[in-house]
Amino acid sequence: MRPLLRMTLLAIALALPALAQNVKEPELINVPHWLDSANDALKPVERIAARFRSSGLVRPTLWVELHGEQSSFRLAAGQRLEFAVSLASIDDPEKLLLYKLKPKKGKREAELIKLNLASGVVSVDAARPNLIPCQISKLGNSFKLTPKDALPPGEYAFIYDEEKNFAAPRDAFCFGVDATK
């Protein structure tokens, strides 16, 4: 009886690492994917070129503009909103920020940073009016990003924060949340 128990425990111990490595991870580097738990799948969100512009001198604001009023990647309100991203080894998952966008005249836009230079130094985090806080956790060799609160219907985009050159050309990774019917 004991040899059978030992062999069973040994088989379980050998199988555990293989089961732990069976975590689905994105194949594309730096591209957020929605974790579709119902179908055990990863689906990349819409990738679109972002255009940046600034306005104001005393209260400078950095805006992002995206073509089209809606993302082609749609999710229903109430769906589990978890995203996975596989990063290059030097990238920090906290630099991938989620913003709420506002549809306007054939585009989507959001204030990314708004400062008030007349009042002195302003915390960058406090000056990001459309930033959606996300919880970040490890997912195998990748990272999982989960909005801390349920997202209301609307348009959203993940954008990499480039501290040294925020207006540098880069992509935004978009999705929309639709009201449940």
N, C-alpha and C. Protein backbone atom coordinates (compact mmCIF):
# COMPACT_ATOMS: atom_id res chain seq x y z
N MET A 1 0.81 -1.19 0.00
CA MET A 1 0.00 0.00 0.00
C MET A 1 0.86 1.25 0.00
N ARG A 2 1.91 1.25 0.77
CA ARG A 2 2.77 2.43 0.81
C ARG A 2 3.46 2.73 -0.52
N PRO A 3 3.94 1.74 -1.24
CA PRO A 3 4.55 2.06 -2.53
C PRO A 3 3.54 2.70 -3.50
N LEU A 4 2.29 2.27 -3.44
CA LEU A 4 1.27 2.85 -4.30
C LEU A 4 1.01 4.31 -3.92
N LEU A 5 0.97 4.60 -2.63
CA LEU A 5 0.78 5.96 -2.15
C LEU A 5 1.96 6.85 -2.56
N ARG A 6 3.17 6.32 -2.44
CA ARG A 6 4.37 7.07 -2.84
C ARG A 6 4.35 7.37 -4.33
N MET A 7 3.98 6.37 -5.12
CA MET A 7 3.95 6.57 -6.58
C MET A 7 2.88 7.61 -6.94
N THR A 8 1.73 7.58 -6.27
CA THR A 8 0.67 8.55 -6.54
C THR A 8 1.15 9.95 -6.19
N LEU A 9 1.77 10.12 -5.04
CA LEU A 9 2.28 11.42 -4.63
C LEU A 9 3.37 11.91 -5.57
N LEU A 10 4.23 11.01 -6.01
CA LEU A 10 5.29 11.37 -6.96
C LEU A 10 4.68 11.82 -8.29
N ALA A 11 3.67 11.12 -8.77
CA ALA A 11 3.01 11.50 -10.02
C ALA A 11 2.36 12.88 -9.90
N ILE A 12 1.73 13.15 -8.77
CA ILE A 12 1.11 14.46 -8.55
C ILE A 12 2.19 15.54 -8.50
N ALA A 13 3.27 15.28 -7.79
CA ALA A 13 4.35 16.26 -7.67
C ALA A 13 4.98 16.57 -9.03
N LEU A 14 5.11 15.57 -9.88
CA LEU A 14 5.67 15.79 -11.21
C LEU A 14 4.70 16.52 -12.13
N ALA A 15 3.41 16.34 -11.91
CA ALA A 15 2.41 16.99 -12.77
C ALA A 15 2.17 18.45 -12.39
N LEU A 16 2.39 18.84 -11.15
CA LEU A 16 2.10 20.20 -10.71
C LEU A 16 2.83 21.28 -11.50
N PRO A 17 4.14 21.16 -11.74
CA PRO A 17 4.80 22.20 -12.53
C PRO A 17 4.21 22.34 -13.93
N ALA A 18 3.83 21.25 -14.55
CA ALA A 18 3.24 21.30 -15.89
C ALA A 18 1.88 22.01 -15.84
N LEU A 19 1.11 21.76 -14.79
CA LEU A 19 -0.19 22.43 -14.66
C LEU A 19 0.01 23.92 -14.41
N ALA A 20 0.99 24.28 -13.60
CA ALA A 20 1.25 25.69 -13.30
C ALA A 20 1.71 26.44 -14.54
N GLN A 21 2.39 25.77 -15.45
CA GLN A 21 2.88 26.42 -16.66
C GLN A 21 1.81 26.51 -17.74
N ASN A 22 0.61 25.99 -17.48
CA ASN A 22 -0.46 26.00 -18.46
C ASN A 22 -1.25 27.31 -18.46
N VAL A 23 -0.67 28.37 -17.91
CA VAL A 23 -1.31 29.68 -17.89
C VAL A 23 -1.22 30.27 -19.29
N LYS A 24 -2.37 30.73 -19.80
CA LYS A 24 -2.35 31.37 -21.13
C LYS A 24 -1.71 32.75 -20.98
N GLU A 25 -0.79 33.05 -21.90
CA GLU A 25 -0.12 34.34 -21.90
C GLU A 25 -0.12 34.90 -23.32
N PRO A 26 -0.15 36.23 -23.43
CA PRO A 26 -0.12 36.84 -24.77
C PRO A 26 1.18 36.53 -25.51
N GLU A 27 1.05 36.27 -26.79
CA GLU A 27 2.23 36.03 -27.61
C GLU A 27 2.84 37.33 -28.10
N LEU A 28 2.01 38.37 -28.27
CA LEU A 28 2.50 39.66 -28.74
C LEU A 28 3.02 40.48 -27.56
N ILE A 29 4.23 40.98 -27.68
CA ILE A 29 4.84 41.79 -26.62
C ILE A 29 4.21 43.19 -26.62
N ASN A 30 3.93 43.71 -25.43
CA ASN A 30 3.43 45.08 -25.21
C ASN A 30 2.05 45.34 -25.78
N VAL A 31 1.27 44.30 -26.04
CA VAL A 31 -0.09 44.45 -26.56
C VAL A 31 -1.07 43.85 -25.55
N PRO A 32 -1.92 44.70 -24.94
CA PRO A 32 -2.91 44.16 -23.99
C PRO A 32 -3.92 43.24 -24.68
N HIS A 33 -4.27 42.18 -23.99
CA HIS A 33 -5.26 41.21 -24.46
C HIS A 33 -6.34 41.09 -23.39
N TRP A 34 -7.59 40.97 -23.83
CA TRP A 34 -8.68 40.72 -22.89
C TRP A 34 -8.67 39.24 -22.54
N LEU A 35 -8.79 38.94 -21.24
CA LEU A 35 -8.86 37.56 -20.78
C LEU A 35 -10.32 37.11 -20.84
N ASP A 36 -10.65 36.35 -21.87
CA ASP A 36 -12.00 35.83 -22.06
C ASP A 36 -12.10 34.52 -21.30
N SER A 37 -12.47 34.60 -20.02
CA SER A 37 -12.48 33.41 -19.17
C SER A 37 -13.57 32.42 -19.59
N ALA A 38 -14.66 32.90 -20.18
CA ALA A 38 -15.74 32.00 -20.60
C ALA A 38 -15.27 31.04 -21.69
N ASN A 39 -14.38 31.51 -22.57
CA ASN A 39 -13.89 30.67 -23.66
C ASN A 39 -12.42 30.27 -23.49
N ASP A 40 -11.85 30.57 -22.32
CA ASP A 40 -10.45 30.28 -22.04
C ASP A 40 -9.55 30.77 -23.18
N ALA A 41 -9.71 32.06 -23.52
CA ALA A 41 -8.98 32.63 -24.66
C ALA A 41 -8.44 34.01 -24.31
N LEU A 42 -7.43 34.42 -25.05
CA LEU A 42 -6.88 35.77 -24.98
C LEU A 42 -7.20 36.46 -26.29
N LYS A 43 -7.78 37.65 -26.22
CA LYS A 43 -8.15 38.38 -27.43
C LYS A 43 -7.50 39.76 -27.40
N PRO A 44 -6.64 40.06 -28.39
CA PRO A 44 -6.01 41.39 -28.40
C PRO A 44 -7.05 42.48 -28.64
N VAL A 45 -6.94 43.57 -27.88
CA VAL A 45 -7.85 44.70 -28.08
C VAL A 45 -7.42 45.47 -29.32
N GLU A 46 -8.25 46.42 -29.74
CA GLU A 46 -7.95 47.20 -30.95
C GLU A 46 -6.69 48.04 -30.76
N ARG A 47 -5.82 48.01 -31.74
CA ARG A 47 -4.59 48.81 -31.73
C ARG A 47 -4.75 49.94 -32.74
N ILE A 48 -4.51 51.18 -32.29
CA ILE A 48 -4.71 52.33 -33.16
C ILE A 48 -3.64 53.38 -32.85
N ALA A 49 -3.21 54.08 -33.89
CA ALA A 49 -2.21 55.15 -33.70
C ALA A 49 -2.83 56.29 -32.92
N ALA A 50 -2.13 56.73 -31.91
CA ALA A 50 -2.61 57.84 -31.08
C ALA A 50 -1.97 59.14 -31.56
N ARG A 51 -2.75 60.19 -31.52
CA ARG A 51 -2.25 61.53 -31.84
C ARG A 51 -2.32 62.36 -30.57
N PHE A 52 -1.23 63.04 -30.26
CA PHE A 52 -1.17 63.84 -29.04
C PHE A 52 -1.13 65.32 -29.39
N ARG A 53 -1.79 66.11 -28.56
CA ARG A 53 -1.75 67.56 -28.74
C ARG A 53 -1.76 68.20 -27.36
N SER A 54 -1.30 69.43 -27.30
CA SER A 54 -1.30 70.15 -26.03
C SER A 54 -2.02 71.47 -26.20
N SER A 55 -2.47 72.02 -25.08
CA SER A 55 -3.14 73.32 -25.10
C SER A 55 -2.84 74.04 -23.79
N GLY A 56 -2.87 75.37 -23.82
CA GLY A 56 -2.72 76.18 -22.62
C GLY A 56 -1.29 76.46 -22.24
N LEU A 57 -1.07 77.61 -21.62
CA LEU A 57 0.25 77.98 -21.11
C LEU A 57 0.29 77.96 -19.59
N VAL A 58 -0.67 78.62 -18.96
CA VAL A 58 -0.71 78.66 -17.49
C VAL A 58 -1.24 77.34 -16.95
N ARG A 59 -2.19 76.76 -17.66
CA ARG A 59 -2.76 75.46 -17.29
C ARG A 59 -2.58 74.49 -18.46
N PRO A 60 -1.34 74.06 -18.70
CA PRO A 60 -1.11 73.18 -19.86
C PRO A 60 -1.81 71.84 -19.70
N THR A 61 -2.34 71.38 -20.82
CA THR A 61 -3.05 70.11 -20.85
C THR A 61 -2.54 69.29 -22.02
N LEU A 62 -2.29 68.01 -21.78
CA LEU A 62 -1.91 67.09 -22.85
C LEU A 62 -3.11 66.21 -23.15
N TRP A 63 -3.50 66.18 -24.42
CA TRP A 63 -4.65 65.41 -24.89
C TRP A 63 -4.20 64.26 -25.77
N VAL A 64 -5.00 63.21 -25.83
CA VAL A 64 -4.82 62.15 -26.81
C VAL A 64 -6.07 62.13 -27.68
N GLU A 65 -5.87 61.92 -28.98
CA GLU A 65 -6.99 61.79 -29.93
C GLU A 65 -6.82 60.48 -30.69
N LEU A 66 -7.93 59.78 -30.86
CA LEU A 66 -7.95 58.53 -31.61
C LEU A 66 -9.02 58.62 -32.68
N HIS A 67 -8.74 58.08 -33.84
CA HIS A 67 -9.67 58.11 -34.97
C HIS A 67 -10.90 57.27 -34.65
N GLY A 68 -12.07 57.78 -34.99
CA GLY A 68 -13.33 57.06 -34.81
C GLY A 68 -13.94 57.27 -33.43
N GLU A 69 -15.26 57.29 -33.38
CA GLU A 69 -15.94 57.52 -32.11
C GLU A 69 -16.08 56.27 -31.26
N GLN A 70 -15.87 55.08 -31.87
CA GLN A 70 -16.00 53.82 -31.13
C GLN A 70 -14.90 52.87 -31.51
N SER A 71 -14.48 52.09 -30.54
CA SER A 71 -13.53 51.00 -30.80
C SER A 71 -14.26 49.85 -31.48
N SER A 72 -13.56 49.12 -32.30
CA SER A 72 -14.15 47.93 -32.92
C SER A 72 -14.18 46.76 -31.93
N PHE A 73 -13.43 46.85 -30.85
CA PHE A 73 -13.39 45.78 -29.84
C PHE A 73 -14.40 46.13 -28.75
N ARG A 74 -15.48 45.35 -28.65
CA ARG A 74 -16.58 45.65 -27.74
C ARG A 74 -16.71 44.60 -26.65
N LEU A 75 -17.00 45.05 -25.44
CA LEU A 75 -17.29 44.18 -24.31
C LEU A 75 -18.62 44.64 -23.71
N ALA A 76 -19.31 43.73 -23.06
CA ALA A 76 -20.60 44.08 -22.43
C ALA A 76 -20.37 44.48 -20.98
N ALA A 77 -21.13 45.46 -20.53
CA ALA A 77 -21.08 45.84 -19.12
C ALA A 77 -21.39 44.60 -18.29
N GLY A 78 -20.69 44.44 -17.22
CA GLY A 78 -20.89 43.27 -16.37
C GLY A 78 -19.97 42.12 -16.69
N GLN A 79 -19.32 42.14 -17.86
CA GLN A 79 -18.34 41.10 -18.18
C GLN A 79 -17.11 41.30 -17.30
N ARG A 80 -16.43 40.23 -17.04
CA ARG A 80 -15.20 40.31 -16.27
C ARG A 80 -14.15 41.04 -17.11
N LEU A 81 -13.64 42.15 -16.59
CA LEU A 81 -12.67 42.95 -17.33
C LEU A 81 -11.28 42.75 -16.74
N GLU A 82 -10.60 41.77 -17.31
CA GLU A 82 -9.21 41.48 -16.95
C GLU A 82 -8.42 41.46 -18.24
N PHE A 83 -7.23 42.05 -18.18
CA PHE A 83 -6.39 42.15 -19.36
C PHE A 83 -5.01 41.61 -19.03
N ALA A 84 -4.41 40.95 -20.01
CA ALA A 84 -3.06 40.41 -19.85
C ALA A 84 -2.13 41.11 -20.82
N VAL A 85 -0.91 41.34 -20.37
CA VAL A 85 0.10 41.93 -21.25
C VAL A 85 1.44 41.28 -20.95
N SER A 86 2.12 40.91 -22.00
CA SER A 86 3.47 40.38 -21.91
C SER A 86 4.42 41.52 -22.27
N LEU A 87 5.31 41.86 -21.37
CA LEU A 87 6.17 43.03 -21.57
C LEU A 87 7.60 42.63 -21.90
N ALA A 88 8.28 43.51 -22.64
CA ALA A 88 9.71 43.34 -22.84
C ALA A 88 10.35 43.42 -21.45
N SER A 89 11.48 42.79 -21.26
CA SER A 89 12.07 42.65 -19.93
C SER A 89 12.33 43.99 -19.24
N ILE A 90 12.53 45.07 -19.98
CA ILE A 90 12.84 46.34 -19.35
C ILE A 90 11.60 47.18 -19.04
N ASP A 91 10.43 46.75 -19.51
CA ASP A 91 9.21 47.54 -19.33
C ASP A 91 8.59 47.31 -17.96
N ASP A 92 7.93 48.34 -17.46
CA ASP A 92 7.27 48.33 -16.17
C ASP A 92 5.76 48.29 -16.40
N PRO A 93 5.03 47.32 -15.83
CA PRO A 93 3.59 47.24 -16.08
C PRO A 93 2.84 48.47 -15.57
N GLU A 94 3.38 49.21 -14.63
CA GLU A 94 2.71 50.40 -14.11
C GLU A 94 2.75 51.56 -15.10
N LYS A 95 3.49 51.42 -16.20
CA LYS A 95 3.53 52.46 -17.23
C LYS A 95 2.42 52.27 -18.27
N LEU A 96 1.70 51.16 -18.19
CA LEU A 96 0.56 50.94 -19.07
C LEU A 96 -0.68 51.45 -18.34
N LEU A 97 -1.18 52.61 -18.77
CA LEU A 97 -2.26 53.30 -18.07
C LEU A 97 -3.57 53.20 -18.84
N LEU A 98 -4.66 53.08 -18.11
CA LEU A 98 -5.99 52.98 -18.70
C LEU A 98 -6.70 54.32 -18.55
N TYR A 99 -7.24 54.84 -19.67
CA TYR A 99 -7.93 56.12 -19.67
C TYR A 99 -9.35 55.97 -20.19
N LYS A 100 -10.25 56.78 -19.66
CA LYS A 100 -11.62 56.91 -20.17
C LYS A 100 -11.59 57.94 -21.29
N LEU A 101 -12.18 57.59 -22.43
CA LEU A 101 -12.21 58.48 -23.60
C LEU A 101 -13.61 59.05 -23.79
N LYS A 102 -13.67 60.20 -24.46
CA LYS A 102 -14.95 60.83 -24.76
C LYS A 102 -15.11 60.91 -26.28
N PRO A 103 -16.16 60.27 -26.84
CA PRO A 103 -16.41 60.40 -28.28
C PRO A 103 -16.79 61.84 -28.62
N LYS A 104 -16.21 62.35 -29.73
CA LYS A 104 -16.49 63.74 -30.10
C LYS A 104 -16.14 63.94 -31.58
N LYS A 105 -17.14 64.25 -32.39
CA LYS A 105 -16.96 64.63 -33.79
C LYS A 105 -16.05 63.67 -34.57
N GLY A 106 -16.36 62.40 -34.58
CA GLY A 106 -15.62 61.43 -35.37
C GLY A 106 -14.32 60.95 -34.76
N LYS A 107 -14.09 61.27 -33.50
CA LYS A 107 -12.87 60.81 -32.83
C LYS A 107 -13.18 60.53 -31.37
N ARG A 108 -12.22 59.97 -30.68
CA ARG A 108 -12.27 59.80 -29.24
C ARG A 108 -11.12 60.60 -28.66
N GLU A 109 -11.34 61.25 -27.52
CA GLU A 109 -10.27 62.04 -26.93
C GLU A 109 -10.33 61.98 -25.42
N ALA A 110 -9.20 62.33 -24.80
CA ALA A 110 -9.14 62.40 -23.34
C ALA A 110 -8.01 63.33 -22.93
N GLU A 111 -8.24 64.04 -21.84
CA GLU A 111 -7.16 64.79 -21.20
C GLU A 111 -6.28 63.77 -20.49
N LEU A 112 -4.99 63.75 -20.81
CA LEU A 112 -4.09 62.82 -20.14
C LEU A 112 -3.47 63.44 -18.91
N ILE A 113 -3.02 64.67 -19.05
CA ILE A 113 -2.39 65.39 -17.94
C ILE A 113 -2.86 66.83 -17.99
N LYS A 114 -3.23 67.35 -16.82
CA LYS A 114 -3.64 68.74 -16.72
C LYS A 114 -2.92 69.35 -15.52
N LEU A 115 -2.10 70.36 -15.77
CA LEU A 115 -1.32 71.00 -14.72
C LEU A 115 -1.78 72.44 -14.52
N ASN A 116 -1.56 72.95 -13.32
CA ASN A 116 -1.84 74.35 -13.04
C ASN A 116 -0.53 74.97 -12.59
N LEU A 117 0.21 75.58 -13.52
CA LEU A 117 1.52 76.14 -13.22
C LEU A 117 1.42 77.40 -12.36
N ALA A 118 0.28 78.06 -12.38
CA ALA A 118 0.12 79.28 -11.58
C ALA A 118 0.14 78.97 -10.08
N SER A 119 -0.30 77.76 -9.71
CA SER A 119 -0.35 77.42 -8.29
C SER A 119 0.89 76.67 -7.82
N GLY A 120 1.86 76.45 -8.69
CA GLY A 120 3.07 75.73 -8.30
C GLY A 120 3.06 74.31 -8.83
N VAL A 121 3.87 73.46 -8.22
CA VAL A 121 4.01 72.07 -8.67
C VAL A 121 2.75 71.28 -8.31
N VAL A 122 2.27 70.51 -9.26
CA VAL A 122 1.08 69.67 -9.07
C VAL A 122 1.49 68.22 -9.23
N SER A 123 0.97 67.37 -8.40
CA SER A 123 1.22 65.94 -8.51
C SER A 123 0.68 65.46 -9.86
N VAL A 124 1.50 64.70 -10.59
CA VAL A 124 1.07 64.20 -11.90
C VAL A 124 -0.14 63.29 -11.76
N ASP A 125 -0.17 62.43 -10.73
CA ASP A 125 -1.31 61.53 -10.55
C ASP A 125 -2.60 62.30 -10.31
N ALA A 126 -2.54 63.37 -9.53
CA ALA A 126 -3.73 64.17 -9.25
C ALA A 126 -4.19 64.94 -10.48
N ALA A 127 -3.29 65.10 -11.45
CA ALA A 127 -3.60 65.90 -12.64
C ALA A 127 -4.03 65.03 -13.82
N ARG A 128 -4.40 63.80 -13.60
CA ARG A 128 -4.82 62.89 -14.66
C ARG A 128 -6.32 62.61 -14.51
N PRO A 129 -7.17 63.51 -15.00
CA PRO A 129 -8.61 63.42 -14.73
C PRO A 129 -9.30 62.19 -15.31
N ASN A 130 -8.77 61.58 -16.34
CA ASN A 130 -9.44 60.45 -17.00
C ASN A 130 -8.75 59.11 -16.74
N LEU A 131 -7.81 59.08 -15.82
CA LEU A 131 -7.08 57.86 -15.50
C LEU A 131 -7.97 56.90 -14.71
N ILE A 132 -7.99 55.63 -15.12
CA ILE A 132 -8.74 54.58 -14.44
C ILE A 132 -7.73 53.73 -13.67
N PRO A 133 -7.79 53.71 -12.34
CA PRO A 133 -6.84 52.90 -11.57
C PRO A 133 -7.03 51.41 -11.85
N CYS A 134 -5.91 50.71 -11.98
CA CYS A 134 -5.93 49.27 -12.23
C CYS A 134 -5.08 48.55 -11.19
N GLN A 135 -5.51 47.35 -10.87
CA GLN A 135 -4.72 46.47 -10.02
C GLN A 135 -3.84 45.65 -10.94
N ILE A 136 -2.56 45.50 -10.57
CA ILE A 136 -1.61 44.76 -11.40
C ILE A 136 -1.13 43.55 -10.62
N SER A 137 -1.16 42.39 -11.26
CA SER A 137 -0.66 41.17 -10.63
C SER A 137 0.09 40.34 -11.67
N LYS A 138 0.90 39.42 -11.19
CA LYS A 138 1.65 38.54 -12.09
C LYS A 138 0.71 37.49 -12.68
N LEU A 139 0.98 37.11 -13.92
CA LEU A 139 0.25 36.06 -14.62
C LEU A 139 1.29 35.27 -15.38
N GLY A 140 1.84 34.24 -14.76
CA GLY A 140 2.96 33.52 -15.38
C GLY A 140 4.13 34.47 -15.56
N ASN A 141 4.61 34.63 -16.80
CA ASN A 141 5.69 35.57 -17.09
C ASN A 141 5.14 36.93 -17.54
N SER A 142 3.83 37.06 -17.55
CA SER A 142 3.16 38.29 -17.99
C SER A 142 2.54 38.99 -16.79
N PHE A 143 1.69 39.97 -17.08
CA PHE A 143 1.00 40.71 -16.03
C PHE A 143 -0.48 40.77 -16.35
N LYS A 144 -1.28 40.79 -15.28
CA LYS A 144 -2.73 40.95 -15.42
C LYS A 144 -3.09 42.32 -14.88
N LEU A 145 -3.88 43.08 -15.67
CA LEU A 145 -4.36 44.39 -15.26
C LEU A 145 -5.88 44.32 -15.14
N THR A 146 -6.38 44.71 -13.98
CA THR A 146 -7.81 44.67 -13.70
C THR A 146 -8.25 46.03 -13.19
N PRO A 147 -9.20 46.70 -13.86
CA PRO A 147 -9.70 47.96 -13.30
C PRO A 147 -10.20 47.74 -11.88
N LYS A 148 -9.86 48.68 -10.98
CA LYS A 148 -10.24 48.53 -9.57
C LYS A 148 -11.74 48.62 -9.37
N ASP A 149 -12.43 49.36 -10.21
CA ASP A 149 -13.89 49.49 -10.13
C ASP A 149 -14.50 49.03 -11.45
N ALA A 150 -15.78 48.67 -11.40
CA ALA A 150 -16.50 48.30 -12.63
C ALA A 150 -16.51 49.50 -13.57
N LEU A 151 -16.29 49.24 -14.85
CA LEU A 151 -16.28 50.32 -15.84
C LEU A 151 -17.69 50.55 -16.37
N PRO A 152 -18.15 51.80 -16.34
CA PRO A 152 -19.46 52.08 -16.94
C PRO A 152 -19.36 52.02 -18.46
N PRO A 153 -20.50 51.93 -19.15
CA PRO A 153 -20.45 51.95 -20.62
C PRO A 153 -19.68 53.17 -21.11
N GLY A 154 -18.85 52.95 -22.15
CA GLY A 154 -18.05 54.03 -22.71
C GLY A 154 -16.86 53.49 -23.46
N GLU A 155 -15.96 54.40 -23.81
CA GLU A 155 -14.77 54.08 -24.59
C GLU A 155 -13.54 54.21 -23.70
N TYR A 156 -12.58 53.28 -23.88
CA TYR A 156 -11.40 53.23 -23.03
C TYR A 156 -10.17 52.92 -23.88
N ALA A 157 -8.99 53.30 -23.36
CA ALA A 157 -7.74 52.98 -24.06
C ALA A 157 -6.61 52.82 -23.06
N PHE A 158 -5.80 51.78 -23.29
CA PHE A 158 -4.53 51.63 -22.59
C PHE A 158 -3.49 52.41 -23.39
N ILE A 159 -2.71 53.23 -22.70
CA ILE A 159 -1.66 54.03 -23.34
C ILE A 159 -0.41 53.93 -22.48
N TYR A 160 0.72 53.67 -23.12
CA TYR A 160 1.99 53.62 -22.39
C TYR A 160 2.42 55.03 -22.01
N ASP A 161 2.80 55.22 -20.77
CA ASP A 161 3.26 56.50 -20.25
C ASP A 161 4.74 56.66 -20.60
N GLU A 162 5.04 57.65 -21.39
CA GLU A 162 6.43 57.98 -21.76
C GLU A 162 6.82 59.24 -21.01
N GLU A 163 7.42 59.09 -19.84
CA GLU A 163 7.72 60.25 -18.99
C GLU A 163 8.63 61.27 -19.67
N LYS A 164 9.62 60.80 -20.38
CA LYS A 164 10.60 61.73 -20.96
C LYS A 164 10.06 62.44 -22.19
N ASN A 165 9.17 61.79 -22.93
CA ASN A 165 8.63 62.41 -24.14
C ASN A 165 7.19 61.92 -24.31
N PHE A 166 6.28 62.50 -23.53
CA PHE A 166 4.91 62.01 -23.51
C PHE A 166 4.24 62.10 -24.87
N ALA A 167 4.63 63.08 -25.67
CA ALA A 167 3.99 63.25 -26.98
C ALA A 167 4.65 62.40 -28.07
N ALA A 168 5.56 61.51 -27.70
CA ALA A 168 6.21 60.64 -28.69
C ALA A 168 5.16 59.77 -29.39
N PRO A 169 5.31 59.53 -30.69
CA PRO A 169 4.32 58.71 -31.40
C PRO A 169 4.27 57.30 -30.81
N ARG A 170 3.07 56.82 -30.61
CA ARG A 170 2.88 55.45 -30.12
C ARG A 170 1.43 55.06 -30.32
N ASP A 171 1.15 53.81 -30.06
CA ASP A 171 -0.19 53.28 -30.25
C ASP A 171 -0.99 53.34 -28.95
N ALA A 172 -2.30 53.33 -29.12
CA ALA A 172 -3.22 53.16 -28.01
C ALA A 172 -3.93 51.83 -28.24
N PHE A 173 -4.36 51.20 -27.17
CA PHE A 173 -5.00 49.90 -27.23
C PHE A 173 -6.41 50.06 -26.67
N CYS A 174 -7.41 49.99 -27.55
CA CYS A 174 -8.76 50.46 -27.22
C CYS A 174 -9.77 49.33 -27.10
N PHE A 175 -10.81 49.65 -26.33
CA PHE A 175 -11.98 48.80 -26.25
C PHE A 175 -13.15 49.65 -25.78
N GLY A 176 -14.34 49.15 -26.03
CA GLY A 176 -15.55 49.84 -25.59
C GLY A 176 -16.35 48.92 -24.69
N VAL A 177 -17.08 49.51 -23.76
CA VAL A 177 -17.98 48.76 -22.89
C VAL A 177 -19.40 49.21 -23.24
N ASP A 178 -20.23 48.25 -23.63
CA ASP A 178 -21.62 48.52 -24.02
C ASP A 178 -22.56 48.21 -22.88
N ALA A 179 -23.61 48.99 -22.76
CA ALA A 179 -24.64 48.73 -21.76
C ALA A 179 -25.29 47.38 -22.03
N THR A 180 -25.67 46.69 -20.98
CA THR A 180 -26.35 45.40 -21.17
C THR A 180 -27.78 45.67 -21.62
N LYS A 181 -28.28 44.79 -22.46
CA LYS A 181 -29.61 44.97 -23.06
C LYS A 181 -30.67 44.30 -22.22
